[in-house]
PDB file of all heavy atoms in Angstrom:
ATOM      1  N   GLY A   1       0.805  -1.209   0.000  1.00  0.00           N
ATOM      2  CA  GLY A   1       0.000   0.000   0.000  1.00  0.00           C
ATOM      3  C   GLY A   1       0.839   1.260   0.000  1.00  0.00           C
ATOM      4  O   GLY A   1       2.068   1.225   0.148  1.00  0.00           O
ATOM      5  N   TYR A   2       0.151   2.393  -0.153  1.00  0.00           N
ATOM      6  CA  TYR A   2       0.818   3.680  -0.331  1.00  0.00           C
ATOM      7  C   TYR A   2       0.275   4.723   0.638  1.00  0.00           C
ATOM      8  O   TYR A   2      -0.768   4.536   1.264  1.00  0.00           O
ATOM      9  CB  TYR A   2       0.613   4.176  -1.772  1.00  0.00           C
ATOM     10  CG  TYR A   2       1.133   3.217  -2.808  1.00  0.00           C
ATOM     11  CD1 TYR A   2       0.261   2.488  -3.620  1.00  0.00           C
ATOM     12  CD2 TYR A   2       2.494   3.023  -2.980  1.00  0.00           C
ATOM     13  CE1 TYR A   2       0.739   1.606  -4.577  1.00  0.00           C
ATOM     14  CE2 TYR A   2       2.981   2.144  -3.928  1.00  0.00           C
ATOM     15  CZ  TYR A   2       2.103   1.439  -4.728  1.00  0.00           C
ATOM     16  OH  TYR A   2       2.579   0.563  -5.666  1.00  0.00           O
ATOM     17  N   ARG A   3       1.009   5.823   0.716  1.00  0.00           N
ATOM     18  CA  ARG A   3       0.634   6.939   1.565  1.00  0.00           C
ATOM     19  C   ARG A   3       0.754   8.242   0.789  1.00  0.00           C
ATOM     20  O   ARG A   3       1.636   8.395  -0.058  1.00  0.00           O
ATOM     21  CB  ARG A   3       1.565   7.044   2.784  1.00  0.00           C
ATOM     22  CG  ARG A   3       1.505   5.909   3.745  1.00  0.00           C
ATOM     23  CD  ARG A   3       2.629   5.999   4.768  1.00  0.00           C
ATOM     24  NE  ARG A   3       2.689   7.290   5.432  1.00  0.00           N
ATOM     25  CZ  ARG A   3       1.964   7.627   6.485  1.00  0.00           C
ATOM     26  NH1 ARG A   3       1.110   6.745   7.010  1.00  0.00           N
ATOM     27  NH2 ARG A   3       2.069   8.816   7.040  1.00  0.00           N
ATOM     28  N   THR A   4      -0.130   9.179   1.100  1.00  0.00           N
ATOM     29  CA  THR A   4       0.013  10.528   0.582  1.00  0.00           C
ATOM     30  C   THR A   4       1.189  11.196   1.294  1.00  0.00           C
ATOM     31  O   THR A   4       1.465  10.911   2.458  1.00  0.00           O
ATOM     32  CB  THR A   4      -1.277  11.330   0.839  1.00  0.00           C
ATOM     33  OG1 THR A   4      -2.338  10.708   0.108  1.00  0.00           O
ATOM     34  CG2 THR A   4      -1.145  12.776   0.411  1.00  0.00           C
ATOM     35  N   THR A   5       1.889  12.061   0.595  1.00  0.00           N
ATOM     36  CA  THR A   5       2.995  12.803   1.192  1.00  0.00           C
ATOM     37  C   THR A   5       2.460  14.062   1.860  1.00  0.00           C
ATOM     38  O   THR A   5       1.702  14.822   1.245  1.00  0.00           O
ATOM     39  CB  THR A   5       4.026  13.190   0.117  1.00  0.00           C
ATOM     40  OG1 THR A   5       4.496  11.990  -0.526  1.00  0.00           O
ATOM     41  CG2 THR A   5       5.203  13.912   0.728  1.00  0.00           C
ATOM     42  N   ALA A   6       2.847  14.270   3.104  1.00  0.00           N
ATOM     43  CA  ALA A   6       2.390  15.447   3.835  1.00  0.00           C
ATOM     44  C   ALA A   6       2.918  16.726   3.187  1.00  0.00           C
ATOM     45  O   ALA A   6       3.992  16.735   2.572  1.00  0.00           O
ATOM     46  CB  ALA A   6       2.853  15.378   5.290  1.00  0.00           C
ATOM     47  N   ILE A   7       2.155  17.803   3.299  1.00  0.00           N
ATOM     48  CA  ILE A   7       2.523  19.113   2.769  1.00  0.00           C
ATOM     49  C   ILE A   7       2.484  20.113   3.918  1.00  0.00           C
ATOM     50  O   ILE A   7       1.507  20.131   4.680  1.00  0.00           O
ATOM     51  CB  ILE A   7       1.551  19.552   1.658  1.00  0.00           C
ATOM     52  CG1 ILE A   7       1.640  18.597   0.461  1.00  0.00           C
ATOM     53  CG2 ILE A   7       1.837  20.986   1.196  1.00  0.00           C
ATOM     54  CD1 ILE A   7       0.611  18.867  -0.616  1.00  0.00           C
ATOM     55  N   PRO A   8       3.526  20.921   4.071  1.00  0.00           N
ATOM     56  CA  PRO A   8       3.523  21.897   5.168  1.00  0.00           C
ATOM     57  C   PRO A   8       2.275  22.768   5.149  1.00  0.00           C
ATOM     58  O   PRO A   8       1.860  23.271   4.111  1.00  0.00           O
ATOM     59  CB  PRO A   8       4.787  22.736   4.882  1.00  0.00           C
ATOM     60  CG  PRO A   8       5.686  21.820   4.116  1.00  0.00           C
ATOM     61  CD  PRO A   8       4.770  20.972   3.273  1.00  0.00           C
ATOM     62  N   GLY A   9       1.657  22.881   6.324  1.00  0.00           N
ATOM     63  CA  GLY A   9       0.482  23.729   6.452  1.00  0.00           C
ATOM     64  C   GLY A   9      -0.838  23.048   6.181  1.00  0.00           C
ATOM     65  O   GLY A   9      -1.895  23.681   6.294  1.00  0.00           O
ATOM     66  N   VAL A  10      -0.814  21.753   5.830  1.00  0.00           N
ATOM     67  CA  VAL A  10      -2.051  21.023   5.530  1.00  0.00           C
ATOM     68  C   VAL A  10      -2.236  19.916   6.572  1.00  0.00           C
ATOM     69  O   VAL A  10      -1.352  19.076   6.737  1.00  0.00           O
ATOM     70  CB  VAL A  10      -2.015  20.406   4.111  1.00  0.00           C
ATOM     71  CG1 VAL A  10      -3.332  19.698   3.814  1.00  0.00           C
ATOM     72  CG2 VAL A  10      -1.733  21.471   3.070  1.00  0.00           C
ATOM     73  N   PRO A  11      -3.367  19.889   7.289  1.00  0.00           N
ATOM     74  CA  PRO A  11      -3.592  18.838   8.295  1.00  0.00           C
ATOM     75  C   PRO A  11      -3.466  17.447   7.677  1.00  0.00           C
ATOM     76  O   PRO A  11      -4.023  17.185   6.603  1.00  0.00           O
ATOM     77  CB  PRO A  11      -5.026  19.107   8.770  1.00  0.00           C
ATOM     78  CG  PRO A  11      -5.290  20.537   8.438  1.00  0.00           C
ATOM     79  CD  PRO A  11      -4.514  20.820   7.193  1.00  0.00           C
ATOM     80  N   PHE A  12      -2.747  16.567   8.372  1.00  0.00           N
ATOM     81  CA  PHE A  12      -2.437  15.247   7.808  1.00  0.00           C
ATOM     82  C   PHE A  12      -2.740  14.164   8.826  1.00  0.00           C
ATOM     83  O   PHE A  12      -2.417  14.285  10.014  1.00  0.00           O
ATOM     84  CB  PHE A  12      -0.958  15.195   7.411  1.00  0.00           C
ATOM     85  CG  PHE A  12      -0.581  13.991   6.593  1.00  0.00           C
ATOM     86  CD1 PHE A  12      -0.964  13.901   5.256  1.00  0.00           C
ATOM     87  CD2 PHE A  12       0.127  12.949   7.152  1.00  0.00           C
ATOM     88  CE1 PHE A  12      -0.617  12.793   4.490  1.00  0.00           C
ATOM     89  CE2 PHE A  12       0.474  11.838   6.398  1.00  0.00           C
ATOM     90  CZ  PHE A  12       0.097  11.757   5.065  1.00  0.00           C
ATOM     91  N   ASP A  13      -3.387  13.104   8.360  1.00  0.00           N
ATOM     92  CA  ASP A  13      -3.719  11.948   9.189  1.00  0.00           C
ATOM     93  C   ASP A  13      -2.616  10.907   9.010  1.00  0.00           C
ATOM     94  O   ASP A  13      -2.585  10.187   8.009  1.00  0.00           O
ATOM     95  CB  ASP A  13      -5.080  11.386   8.765  1.00  0.00           C
ATOM     96  CG  ASP A  13      -5.546  10.235   9.641  1.00  0.00           C
ATOM     97  OD1 ASP A  13      -4.705   9.590  10.288  1.00  0.00           O
ATOM     98  OD2 ASP A  13      -6.767   9.965   9.661  1.00  0.00           O
ATOM     99  N   GLU A  14      -1.697  10.826   9.965  1.00  0.00           N
ATOM    100  CA  GLU A  14      -0.555   9.921   9.844  1.00  0.00           C
ATOM    101  C   GLU A  14      -0.987   8.470   9.776  1.00  0.00           C
ATOM    102  O   GLU A  14      -0.426   7.675   9.024  1.00  0.00           O
ATOM    103  CB  GLU A  14       0.403  10.126  11.021  1.00  0.00           C
ATOM    104  CG  GLU A  14       1.191  11.418  10.971  1.00  0.00           C
ATOM    105  CD  GLU A  14       2.277  11.394   9.908  1.00  0.00           C
ATOM    106  OE1 GLU A  14       2.550  10.304   9.371  1.00  0.00           O
ATOM    107  OE2 GLU A  14       2.836  12.465   9.614  1.00  0.00           O
ATOM    108  N   ALA A  15      -1.979   8.103  10.566  1.00  0.00           N
ATOM    109  CA  ALA A  15      -2.412   6.701  10.599  1.00  0.00           C
ATOM    110  C   ALA A  15      -3.011   6.272   9.267  1.00  0.00           C
ATOM    111  O   ALA A  15      -2.736   5.178   8.766  1.00  0.00           O
ATOM    112  CB  ALA A  15      -3.421   6.494  11.726  1.00  0.00           C
ATOM    113  N   ALA A  16      -3.830   7.134   8.672  1.00  0.00           N
ATOM    114  CA  ALA A  16      -4.491   6.793   7.407  1.00  0.00           C
ATOM    115  C   ALA A  16      -3.623   7.115   6.193  1.00  0.00           C
ATOM    116  O   ALA A  16      -3.898   6.631   5.094  1.00  0.00           O
ATOM    117  CB  ALA A  16      -5.818   7.539   7.296  1.00  0.00           C
ATOM    118  N   GLY A  17      -2.590   7.946   6.377  1.00  0.00           N
ATOM    119  CA  GLY A  17      -1.723   8.307   5.263  1.00  0.00           C
ATOM    120  C   GLY A  17      -2.398   9.187   4.238  1.00  0.00           C
ATOM    121  O   GLY A  17      -2.135   9.068   3.038  1.00  0.00           O
ATOM    122  N   ARG A  18      -3.253  10.120   4.685  1.00  0.00           N
ATOM    123  CA  ARG A  18      -3.950  11.019   3.769  1.00  0.00           C
ATOM    124  C   ARG A  18      -4.245  12.326   4.499  1.00  0.00           C
ATOM    125  O   ARG A  18      -4.039  12.441   5.717  1.00  0.00           O
ATOM    126  CB  ARG A  18      -5.251  10.392   3.274  1.00  0.00           C
ATOM    127  CG  ARG A  18      -6.198   9.976   4.393  1.00  0.00           C
ATOM    128  CD  ARG A  18      -7.522   9.462   3.878  1.00  0.00           C
ATOM    129  NE  ARG A  18      -8.378   8.931   4.906  1.00  0.00           N
ATOM    130  CZ  ARG A  18      -9.095   9.655   5.772  1.00  0.00           C
ATOM    131  NH1 ARG A  18      -9.040  10.983   5.720  1.00  0.00           N
ATOM    132  NH2 ARG A  18      -9.852   9.085   6.686  1.00  0.00           N
ATOM    133  N   PHE A  19      -4.757  13.324   3.746  1.00  0.00           N
ATOM    134  CA  PHE A  19      -5.076  14.599   4.365  1.00  0.00           C
ATOM    135  C   PHE A  19      -6.364  14.496   5.195  1.00  0.00           C
ATOM    136  O   PHE A  19      -7.292  13.771   4.831  1.00  0.00           O
ATOM    137  CB  PHE A  19      -5.223  15.691   3.301  1.00  0.00           C
ATOM    138  CG  PHE A  19      -3.963  15.939   2.525  1.00  0.00           C
ATOM    139  CD1 PHE A  19      -3.913  15.719   1.153  1.00  0.00           C
ATOM    140  CD2 PHE A  19      -2.811  16.378   3.164  1.00  0.00           C
ATOM    141  CE1 PHE A  19      -2.747  15.930   0.437  1.00  0.00           C
ATOM    142  CE2 PHE A  19      -1.640  16.587   2.460  1.00  0.00           C
ATOM    143  CZ  PHE A  19      -1.602  16.363   1.096  1.00  0.00           C
ATOM    144  N   VAL A  20      -6.393  15.236   6.279  1.00  0.00           N
ATOM    145  CA  VAL A  20      -7.601  15.299   7.103  1.00  0.00           C
ATOM    146  C   VAL A  20      -8.653  16.101   6.338  1.00  0.00           C
ATOM    147  O   VAL A  20      -8.396  17.228   5.901  1.00  0.00           O
ATOM    148  CB  VAL A  20      -7.304  15.981   8.451  1.00  0.00           C
ATOM    149  CG1 VAL A  20      -8.586  16.128   9.266  1.00  0.00           C
ATOM    150  CG2 VAL A  20      -6.250  15.192   9.227  1.00  0.00           C
ATOM    151  N   ASN A  21      -9.826  15.518   6.139  1.00  0.00           N
ATOM    152  CA  ASN A  21     -10.850  16.205   5.360  1.00  0.00           C
ATOM    153  C   ASN A  21     -12.230  15.695   5.711  1.00  0.00           C
ATOM    154  O   ASN A  21     -12.382  14.599   6.255  1.00  0.00           O
ATOM    155  CB  ASN A  21     -10.594  16.018   3.853  1.00  0.00           C
ATOM    156  CG  ASN A  21     -10.871  14.592   3.390  1.00  0.00           C
ATOM    157  OD1 ASN A  21     -11.968  14.277   2.904  1.00  0.00           O
ATOM    158  ND2 ASN A  21      -9.879  13.704   3.523  1.00  0.00           N
ATOM    159  N   GLU A  22     -13.231  16.511   5.390  1.00  0.00           N
ATOM    160  CA  GLU A  22     -14.627  16.109   5.501  1.00  0.00           C
ATOM    161  C   GLU A  22     -15.220  16.102   4.105  1.00  0.00           C
ATOM    162  O   GLU A  22     -15.490  17.155   3.530  1.00  0.00           O
ATOM    163  CB  GLU A  22     -15.403  17.081   6.400  1.00  0.00           C
ATOM    164  CG  GLU A  22     -15.049  16.977   7.874  1.00  0.00           C
ATOM    165  CD  GLU A  22     -15.957  17.839   8.732  1.00  0.00           C
ATOM    166  OE1 GLU A  22     -17.035  18.243   8.233  1.00  0.00           O
ATOM    167  OE2 GLU A  22     -15.585  18.116   9.881  1.00  0.00           O
ATOM    168  N   ASP A  23     -15.367  14.914   3.557  1.00  0.00           N
ATOM    169  CA  ASP A  23     -15.909  14.753   2.206  1.00  0.00           C
ATOM    170  C   ASP A  23     -15.182  15.641   1.207  1.00  0.00           C
ATOM    171  O   ASP A  23     -15.784  16.271   0.335  1.00  0.00           O
ATOM    172  CB  ASP A  23     -17.410  15.061   2.195  1.00  0.00           C
ATOM    173  CG  ASP A  23     -18.085  14.575   0.917  1.00  0.00           C
ATOM    174  OD1 ASP A  23     -17.573  13.609   0.322  1.00  0.00           O
ATOM    175  OD2 ASP A  23     -19.107  15.162   0.520  1.00  0.00           O
ATOM    176  N   GLY A  24     -13.857  15.704   1.329  1.00  0.00           N
ATOM    177  CA  GLY A  24     -13.035  16.444   0.378  1.00  0.00           C
ATOM    178  C   GLY A  24     -12.681  17.852   0.793  1.00  0.00           C
ATOM    179  O   GLY A  24     -11.815  18.480   0.169  1.00  0.00           O
ATOM    180  N   ARG A  25     -13.304  18.374   1.819  1.00  0.00           N
ATOM    181  CA  ARG A  25     -13.021  19.745   2.265  1.00  0.00           C
ATOM    182  C   ARG A  25     -12.057  19.710   3.444  1.00  0.00           C
ATOM    183  O   ARG A  25     -12.342  19.127   4.485  1.00  0.00           O
ATOM    184  CB  ARG A  25     -14.309  20.454   2.670  1.00  0.00           C
ATOM    185  CG  ARG A  25     -14.143  21.958   2.879  1.00  0.00           C
ATOM    186  CD  ARG A  25     -15.515  22.589   3.139  1.00  0.00           C
ATOM    187  NE  ARG A  25     -15.477  24.039   3.080  1.00  0.00           N
ATOM    188  CZ  ARG A  25     -15.267  24.828   4.147  1.00  0.00           C
ATOM    189  NH1 ARG A  25     -15.047  24.271   5.326  1.00  0.00           N
ATOM    190  NH2 ARG A  25     -15.260  26.133   4.014  1.00  0.00           N
ATOM    191  N   ILE A  26     -10.902  20.353   3.269  1.00  0.00           N
ATOM    192  CA  ILE A  26      -9.900  20.431   4.334  1.00  0.00           C
ATOM    193  C   ILE A  26     -10.123  21.666   5.187  1.00  0.00           C
ATOM    194  O   ILE A  26     -10.037  21.638   6.411  1.00  0.00           O
ATOM    195  CB  ILE A  26      -8.478  20.449   3.735  1.00  0.00           C
ATOM    196  CG1 ILE A  26      -8.218  19.161   2.938  1.00  0.00           C
ATOM    197  CG2 ILE A  26      -7.433  20.605   4.838  1.00  0.00           C
ATOM    198  CD1 ILE A  26      -6.920  19.174   2.160  1.00  0.00           C
ATOM    199  N   GLY A  27     -10.414  22.787   4.542  1.00  0.00           N
ATOM    200  CA  GLY A  27     -10.645  24.055   5.223  1.00  0.00           C
ATOM    201  C   GLY A  27     -11.103  25.069   4.200  1.00  0.00           C
ATOM    202  O   GLY A  27     -11.275  24.748   3.014  1.00  0.00           O
ATOM    203  N   PRO A  28     -11.306  26.319   4.605  1.00  0.00           N
ATOM    204  CA  PRO A  28     -11.771  27.342   3.652  1.00  0.00           C
ATOM    205  C   PRO A  28     -10.861  27.447   2.429  1.00  0.00           C
ATOM    206  O   PRO A  28      -9.663  27.707   2.552  1.00  0.00           O
ATOM    207  CB  PRO A  28     -11.722  28.630   4.488  1.00  0.00           C
ATOM    208  CG  PRO A  28     -11.863  28.164   5.896  1.00  0.00           C
ATOM    209  CD  PRO A  28     -11.141  26.854   5.964  1.00  0.00           C
ATOM    210  N   GLY A  29     -11.442  27.185   1.266  1.00  0.00           N
ATOM    211  CA  GLY A  29     -10.702  27.297   0.019  1.00  0.00           C
ATOM    212  C   GLY A  29      -9.717  26.187  -0.253  1.00  0.00           C
ATOM    213  O   GLY A  29      -8.990  26.230  -1.249  1.00  0.00           O
ATOM    214  N   LEU A  30      -9.682  25.164   0.586  1.00  0.00           N
ATOM    215  CA  LEU A  30      -8.705  24.078   0.432  1.00  0.00           C
ATOM    216  C   LEU A  30      -9.415  22.730   0.459  1.00  0.00           C
ATOM    217  O   LEU A  30     -10.162  22.433   1.409  1.00  0.00           O
ATOM    218  CB  LEU A  30      -7.660  24.149   1.544  1.00  0.00           C
ATOM    219  CG  LEU A  30      -6.496  23.148   1.459  1.00  0.00           C
ATOM    220  CD1 LEU A  30      -5.699  23.353   0.177  1.00  0.00           C
ATOM    221  CD2 LEU A  30      -5.596  23.283   2.681  1.00  0.00           C
ATOM    222  N   TYR A  31      -9.160  21.917  -0.559  1.00  0.00           N
ATOM    223  CA  TYR A  31      -9.872  20.654  -0.748  1.00  0.00           C
ATOM    224  C   TYR A  31      -8.875  19.556  -1.133  1.00  0.00           C
ATOM    225  O   TYR A  31      -7.712  19.825  -1.460  1.00  0.00           O
ATOM    226  CB  TYR A  31     -10.930  20.795  -1.846  1.00  0.00           C
ATOM    227  CG  TYR A  31     -11.878  21.941  -1.640  1.00  0.00           C
ATOM    228  CD1 TYR A  31     -11.526  23.246  -2.007  1.00  0.00           C
ATOM    229  CD2 TYR A  31     -13.132  21.746  -1.057  1.00  0.00           C
ATOM    230  CE1 TYR A  31     -12.390  24.307  -1.797  1.00  0.00           C
ATOM    231  CE2 TYR A  31     -14.005  22.797  -0.845  1.00  0.00           C
ATOM    232  CZ  TYR A  31     -13.624  24.083  -1.220  1.00  0.00           C
ATOM    233  OH  TYR A  31     -14.476  25.132  -1.004  1.00  0.00           O
ATOM    234  N   CYS A  32      -9.345  18.330  -1.144  1.00  0.00           N
ATOM    235  CA  CYS A  32      -8.531  17.223  -1.652  1.00  0.00           C
ATOM    236  C   CYS A  32      -9.437  16.233  -2.367  1.00  0.00           C
ATOM    237  O   CYS A  32     -10.654  16.201  -2.149  1.00  0.00           O
ATOM    238  CB  CYS A  32      -7.747  16.540  -0.537  1.00  0.00           C
ATOM    239  SG  CYS A  32      -8.740  15.905   0.829  1.00  0.00           S
ATOM    240  N   VAL A  33      -8.833  15.416  -3.217  1.00  0.00           N
ATOM    241  CA  VAL A  33      -9.591  14.515  -4.074  1.00  0.00           C
ATOM    242  C   VAL A  33      -8.746  13.284  -4.353  1.00  0.00           C
ATOM    243  O   VAL A  33      -7.512  13.312  -4.260  1.00  0.00           O
ATOM    244  CB  VAL A  33      -9.981  15.241  -5.383  1.00  0.00           C
ATOM    245  CG1 VAL A  33      -8.767  15.505  -6.247  1.00  0.00           C
ATOM    246  CG2 VAL A  33     -11.052  14.484  -6.154  1.00  0.00           C
TER     247      VAL A  33
END
């Protein structure tokens, strides 16, 4: 398996290996897919 690479300033879920998000929304104006 693989992990997303953390980016400075973006909340990251170390256990899941992906960005912290709610249905793709990380924060105001910031999303992931």
